[in-house]
Structure formats: structure tokens, C-alpha cells
Amino acid sequence: MAERRAIRSANRKTKLSPSQIARDAVCEGKQRTYNEFYDRNSYKNAIAYAIQKANKVLPDDEKIPHWTPYQLRHAAGTAMEDEAGLDEAQALLDHSSAQTTKRYAHARLKKLKELARNRRNPFE
């Protein structure tokens, strides 16, 4: 991040305003702190920034749609429930309650729809 900020500062097209120079003088000597690892918000923001930056140079038909890491988690939970069941999906997602896992997993809903479509008419 420090390297990215230094590049942006060097490539500035406008001069710094006097108020910004005064703010910088007050903060001089103070180091900005960065965490060693991404947290959930910084990870989401990094993905959004990368997509935005990539879409600037991509043609309209190849633009990357907006997505979040939670969509990947949701898809993994659904796939795990479909393959191995609700308990394994709950363990994968580290949920303490199966009710929480049911919100992520759509495999049961898919199975119920399939059963409803293929049911036999009892009046025939």
C-alpha cells in the first residue's frame, strides 16, 4: 500500500492544496499502519479495486462483473451440501448452527424442486 501511494503521489497531475500541505506537516513523522493480512473488508475492497482497474482497459464485451468473496463462500457451501450433506457444509463454513448453514446451501431446495416436478399424480 505504501508503494502504491508513493506511485500515485508521484504521478499527481495537480499541485497539493495549501490545506493538504499543512495536514501533511502535522502528520509528518507518523507512519501509516497496515495489517500484515487482509481482513474481510480489505479483501472485498481489494477485489473491487482490481475489477474496477481491469474494467478500465477491457472492451465492453469482456468487462468483469461485480462480485464479492461472499459469493465464493456461498457457492462452496452449496456445493458441499450437495456433495456431502448439511453437516459437512456446516463444518466447512464453520457455523455453530445448522440453521445458519441452511441459508447458504441451496442443494435441498434443488432436490425438492426436482421431486415436485417428478411426482406421480395420485388420482391416475
C-alpha atoms as a PDB file:
ATOM      1  CA  MET A   1       0.000   0.000   0.000  1.00  0.00           C
ATOM      2  CA  ALA A   2       2.833   2.399   0.796  1.00  0.00           C
ATOM      3  CA  GLU A   3       4.378   1.719  -2.605  1.00  0.00           C
ATOM      4  CA  ARG A   4       1.017   2.240  -4.322  1.00  0.00           C
ATOM      5  CA  ARG A   5       0.508   5.554  -2.507  1.00  0.00           C
ATOM      6  CA  ALA A   6       4.007   6.735  -3.427  1.00  0.00           C
ATOM      7  CA  ILE A   7       3.381   5.994  -7.123  1.00  0.00           C
ATOM      8  CA  ARG A   8       0.048   7.812  -7.046  1.00  0.00           C
ATOM      9  CA  SER A   9       1.663  10.793  -5.331  1.00  0.00           C
ATOM     10  CA  ALA A  10       4.483  10.925  -7.896  1.00  0.00           C
ATOM     11  CA  ASN A  11       2.001  10.772 -10.790  1.00  0.00           C
ATOM     12  CA  ARG A  12      -0.229  13.566  -9.476  1.00  0.00           C
ATOM     13  CA  LYS A  13      -1.403  15.969 -12.166  1.00  0.00           C
ATOM     14  CA  THR A  14      -2.412  18.827  -9.845  1.00  0.00           C
ATOM     15  CA  LYS A  15      -0.468  20.567  -7.133  1.00  0.00           C
ATOM     16  CA  LEU A  16      -1.243  19.877  -3.483  1.00  0.00           C
ATOM     17  CA  SER A  17      -3.552  22.411  -1.895  1.00  0.00           C
ATOM     18  CA  PRO A  18      -2.173  24.549   0.966  1.00  0.00           C
ATOM     19  CA  SER A  19      -4.508  22.803   3.437  1.00  0.00           C
ATOM     20  CA  GLN A  20      -3.177  19.393   2.362  1.00  0.00           C
ATOM     21  CA  ILE A  21       0.404  20.588   2.784  1.00  0.00           C
ATOM     22  CA  ALA A  22      -0.477  21.808   6.300  1.00  0.00           C
ATOM     23  CA  ARG A  23      -2.100  18.436   7.127  1.00  0.00           C
ATOM     24  CA  ASP A  24       0.961  16.615   5.850  1.00  0.00           C
ATOM     25  CA  ALA A  25       3.199  18.784   8.033  1.00  0.00           C
ATOM     26  CA  VAL A  26       1.167  17.889  11.129  1.00  0.00           C
ATOM     27  CA  CYS A  27       1.312  14.162  10.291  1.00  0.00           C
ATOM     28  CA  GLU A  28       4.974  14.209   9.315  1.00  0.00           C
ATOM     29  CA  GLY A  29       6.922  11.510  11.084  1.00  0.00           C
ATOM     30  CA  LYS A  30       3.825   9.445  11.797  1.00  0.00           C
ATOM     31  CA  GLN A  31       3.810   6.161   9.957  1.00  0.00           C
ATOM     32  CA  ARG A  32       0.600   4.820   8.480  1.00  0.00           C
ATOM     33  CA  THR A  33      -0.039   1.334   9.777  1.00  0.00           C
ATOM     34  CA  TYR A  34      -1.055  -1.586   7.605  1.00  0.00           C
ATOM     35  CA  ASN A  35      -2.076  -5.019   8.792  1.00  0.00           C
ATOM     36  CA  GLU A  36       0.012  -7.989   7.811  1.00  0.00           C
ATOM     37  CA  PHE A  37      -3.022  -9.849   6.439  1.00  0.00           C
ATOM     38  CA  TYR A  38      -6.222  -8.897   4.694  1.00  0.00           C
ATOM     39  CA  ASP A  39      -9.349  -8.822   6.820  1.00  0.00           C
ATOM     40  CA  ARG A  40     -12.795  -9.408   5.326  1.00  0.00           C
ATOM     41  CA  ASN A  41     -13.315  -5.764   4.383  1.00  0.00           C
ATOM     42  CA  SER A  42      -9.860  -5.112   2.941  1.00  0.00           C
ATOM     43  CA  TYR A  43     -10.109  -8.342   0.909  1.00  0.00           C
ATOM     44  CA  LYS A  44     -13.500  -7.283  -0.500  1.00  0.00           C
ATOM     45  CA  ASN A  45     -12.158  -3.785  -1.254  1.00  0.00           C
ATOM     46  CA  ALA A  46      -9.041  -5.172  -2.960  1.00  0.00           C
ATOM     47  CA  ILE A  47     -11.204  -7.315  -5.250  1.00  0.00           C
ATOM     48  CA  ALA A  48     -13.486  -4.370  -6.080  1.00  0.00           C
ATOM     49  CA  TYR A  49     -10.438  -2.171  -6.823  1.00  0.00           C
ATOM     50  CA  ALA A  50      -8.865  -4.838  -9.065  1.00  0.00           C
ATOM     51  CA  ILE A  51     -12.108  -5.336 -11.002  1.00  0.00           C
ATOM     52  CA  GLN A  52     -12.532  -1.585 -11.460  1.00  0.00           C
ATOM     53  CA  LYS A  53      -8.943  -1.203 -12.642  1.00  0.00           C
ATOM     54  CA  ALA A  54      -9.209  -4.138 -15.064  1.00  0.00           C
ATOM     55  CA  ASN A  55     -12.519  -2.929 -16.490  1.00  0.00           C
ATOM     56  CA  LYS A  56     -10.940   0.394 -17.462  1.00  0.00           C
ATOM     57  CA  VAL A  57      -8.795  -1.334 -20.093  1.00  0.00           C
ATOM     58  CA  LEU A  58     -11.133  -4.156 -21.151  1.00  0.00           C
ATOM     59  CA  PRO A  59     -13.558  -3.846 -24.076  1.00  0.00           C
ATOM     60  CA  ASP A  60     -17.252  -3.628 -23.179  1.00  0.00           C
ATOM     61  CA  ASP A  61     -17.997  -7.249 -24.097  1.00  0.00           C
ATOM     62  CA  GLU A  62     -15.212  -8.548 -21.804  1.00  0.00           C
ATOM     63  CA  LYS A  63     -15.870  -6.462 -18.665  1.00  0.00           C
ATOM     64  CA  ILE A  64     -15.710  -8.331 -15.368  1.00  0.00           C
ATOM     65  CA  PRO A  65     -18.994  -8.256 -13.453  1.00  0.00           C
ATOM     66  CA  HIS A  66     -19.061  -7.102  -9.846  1.00  0.00           C
ATOM     67  CA  TRP A  67     -18.648  -9.937  -7.321  1.00  0.00           C
ATOM     68  CA  THR A  68     -17.652 -10.426  -3.702  1.00  0.00           C
ATOM     69  CA  PRO A  69     -15.756 -13.105  -1.762  1.00  0.00           C
ATOM     70  CA  TYR A  70     -19.007 -13.984  -0.027  1.00  0.00           C
ATOM     71  CA  GLN A  71     -20.366 -15.281  -3.325  1.00  0.00           C
ATOM     72  CA  LEU A  72     -17.479 -17.776  -3.424  1.00  0.00           C
ATOM     73  CA  ARG A  73     -18.208 -18.843   0.158  1.00  0.00           C
ATOM     74  CA  HIS A  74     -21.893 -19.220  -0.662  1.00  0.00           C
ATOM     75  CA  ALA A  75     -21.137 -21.358  -3.728  1.00  0.00           C
ATOM     76  CA  ALA A  76     -18.714 -23.556  -1.759  1.00  0.00           C
ATOM     77  CA  GLY A  77     -21.344 -24.128   0.941  1.00  0.00           C
ATOM     78  CA  THR A  78     -23.966 -25.084  -1.629  1.00  0.00           C
ATOM     79  CA  ALA A  79     -21.580 -27.452  -3.431  1.00  0.00           C
ATOM     80  CA  MET A  80     -20.502 -29.108  -0.175  1.00  0.00           C
ATOM     81  CA  GLU A  81     -24.096 -29.622   0.944  1.00  0.00           C
ATOM     82  CA  ASP A  82     -24.956 -31.093  -2.439  1.00  0.00           C
ATOM     83  CA  GLU A  83     -21.983 -33.498  -2.336  1.00  0.00           C
ATOM     84  CA  ALA A  84     -21.693 -34.495   1.319  1.00  0.00           C
ATOM     85  CA  GLY A  85     -24.680 -33.171   3.237  1.00  0.00           C
ATOM     86  CA  LEU A  86     -25.592 -30.434   5.659  1.00  0.00           C
ATOM     87  CA  ASP A  87     -23.203 -31.488   8.461  1.00  0.00           C
ATOM     88  CA  GLU A  88     -20.134 -31.315   6.235  1.00  0.00           C
ATOM     89  CA  ALA A  89     -21.204 -27.975   4.814  1.00  0.00           C
ATOM     90  CA  GLN A  90     -21.675 -26.683   8.363  1.00  0.00           C
ATOM     91  CA  ALA A  91     -18.145 -27.837   9.246  1.00  0.00           C
ATOM     92  CA  LEU A  92     -16.674 -26.274   6.080  1.00  0.00           C
ATOM     93  CA  LEU A  93     -18.341 -22.919   6.727  1.00  0.00           C
ATOM     94  CA  ASP A  94     -17.529 -23.096  10.463  1.00  0.00           C
ATOM     95  CA  HIS A  95     -21.109 -22.414  11.542  1.00  0.00           C
ATOM     96  CA  SER A  96     -22.221 -23.297  15.061  1.00  0.00           C
ATOM     97  CA  SER A  97     -25.828 -23.693  13.941  1.00  0.00           C
ATOM     98  CA  ALA A  98     -27.263 -25.760  11.092  1.00  0.00           C
ATOM     99  CA  GLN A  99     -29.904 -23.050  10.629  1.00  0.00           C
ATOM    100  CA  THR A 100     -27.181 -20.634   9.519  1.00  0.00           C
ATOM    101  CA  THR A 101     -25.779 -23.183   7.071  1.00  0.00           C
ATOM    102  CA  LYS A 102     -29.222 -23.734   5.544  1.00  0.00           C
ATOM    103  CA  ARG A 103     -29.215 -20.109   4.389  1.00  0.00           C
ATOM    104  CA  TYR A 104     -26.030 -20.763   2.415  1.00  0.00           C
ATOM    105  CA  ALA A 105     -26.899 -24.139   0.974  1.00  0.00           C
ATOM    106  CA  HIS A 106     -29.417 -24.461  -1.824  1.00  0.00           C
ATOM    107  CA  ALA A 107     -28.937 -28.144  -2.619  1.00  0.00           C
ATOM    108  CA  ARG A 108     -32.014 -29.176  -0.610  1.00  0.00           C
ATOM    109  CA  LEU A 109     -34.124 -26.635  -2.449  1.00  0.00           C
ATOM    110  CA  LYS A 110     -32.893 -28.001  -5.776  1.00  0.00           C
ATOM    111  CA  LYS A 111     -33.759 -31.566  -4.695  1.00  0.00           C
ATOM    112  CA  LEU A 112     -37.210 -30.501  -3.508  1.00  0.00           C
ATOM    113  CA  LYS A 113     -37.945 -28.792  -6.825  1.00  0.00           C
ATOM    114  CA  GLU A 114     -36.848 -31.908  -8.700  1.00  0.00           C
ATOM    115  CA  LEU A 115     -39.077 -34.116  -6.523  1.00  0.00           C
ATOM    116  CA  ALA A 116     -42.035 -31.787  -7.050  1.00  0.00           C
ATOM    117  CA  ARG A 117     -41.610 -31.822 -10.816  1.00  0.00           C
ATOM    118  CA  ASN A 118     -41.288 -35.613 -10.979  1.00  0.00           C
ATOM    119  CA  ARG A 119     -44.067 -36.549  -8.566  1.00  0.00           C
ATOM    120  CA  ARG A 120     -46.706 -39.023  -9.550  1.00  0.00           C
ATOM    121  CA  ASN A 121     -50.347 -37.921  -9.729  1.00  0.00           C
ATOM    122  CA  PRO A 122     -52.206 -39.960  -7.034  1.00  0.00           C
ATOM    123  CA  PHE A 123     -55.501 -39.662  -8.891  1.00  0.00           C
ATOM    124  CA  GLU A 124     -54.362 -41.531 -12.000  1.00  0.00           C
END
